């Protein structure tokens, strides 16, 4: 009887420790956003696009990625091209209280400058999203 009780307590303790030490869904979503940004950055660095517009279009072709801003003109000359990308991730996982879902957006600044050999990618705060509904202008009376 004592052995069965000890086995049940051990199994419950193992389950609780597994839940507590596993990454949260938000941490997993952030890791996925970083992974996607790395894949996009790698494709841009090793792609054939030279000017800023073409690099922006290449980045925008990726699913769940918004190109927020593109600065610069040509990847071959300093200061190169700097892209601000917003990567969106949606995840769900079963949890103790049902299905847990999360939506996450992470922004990255990708620099592509062949002259200086700068191909850095940095996580940066996301600018506020643009309001899709314009504010109505009051009509003068």
Foldseek 3Di string as FASTA:
>chain_A
DVVVVVVVVVVVVVVVVVVVPDDDPVVVQVVVQVVVVVVLLVCLQPDDDFFQVVNQVSSVVDPQKDFPDKDDTTLAAPPHIKTKMKHKGWDWDADPVGIDIDIDIWIKIFGRHNVVPDGDIDTDDDDDDDDPDDDDDDDDD
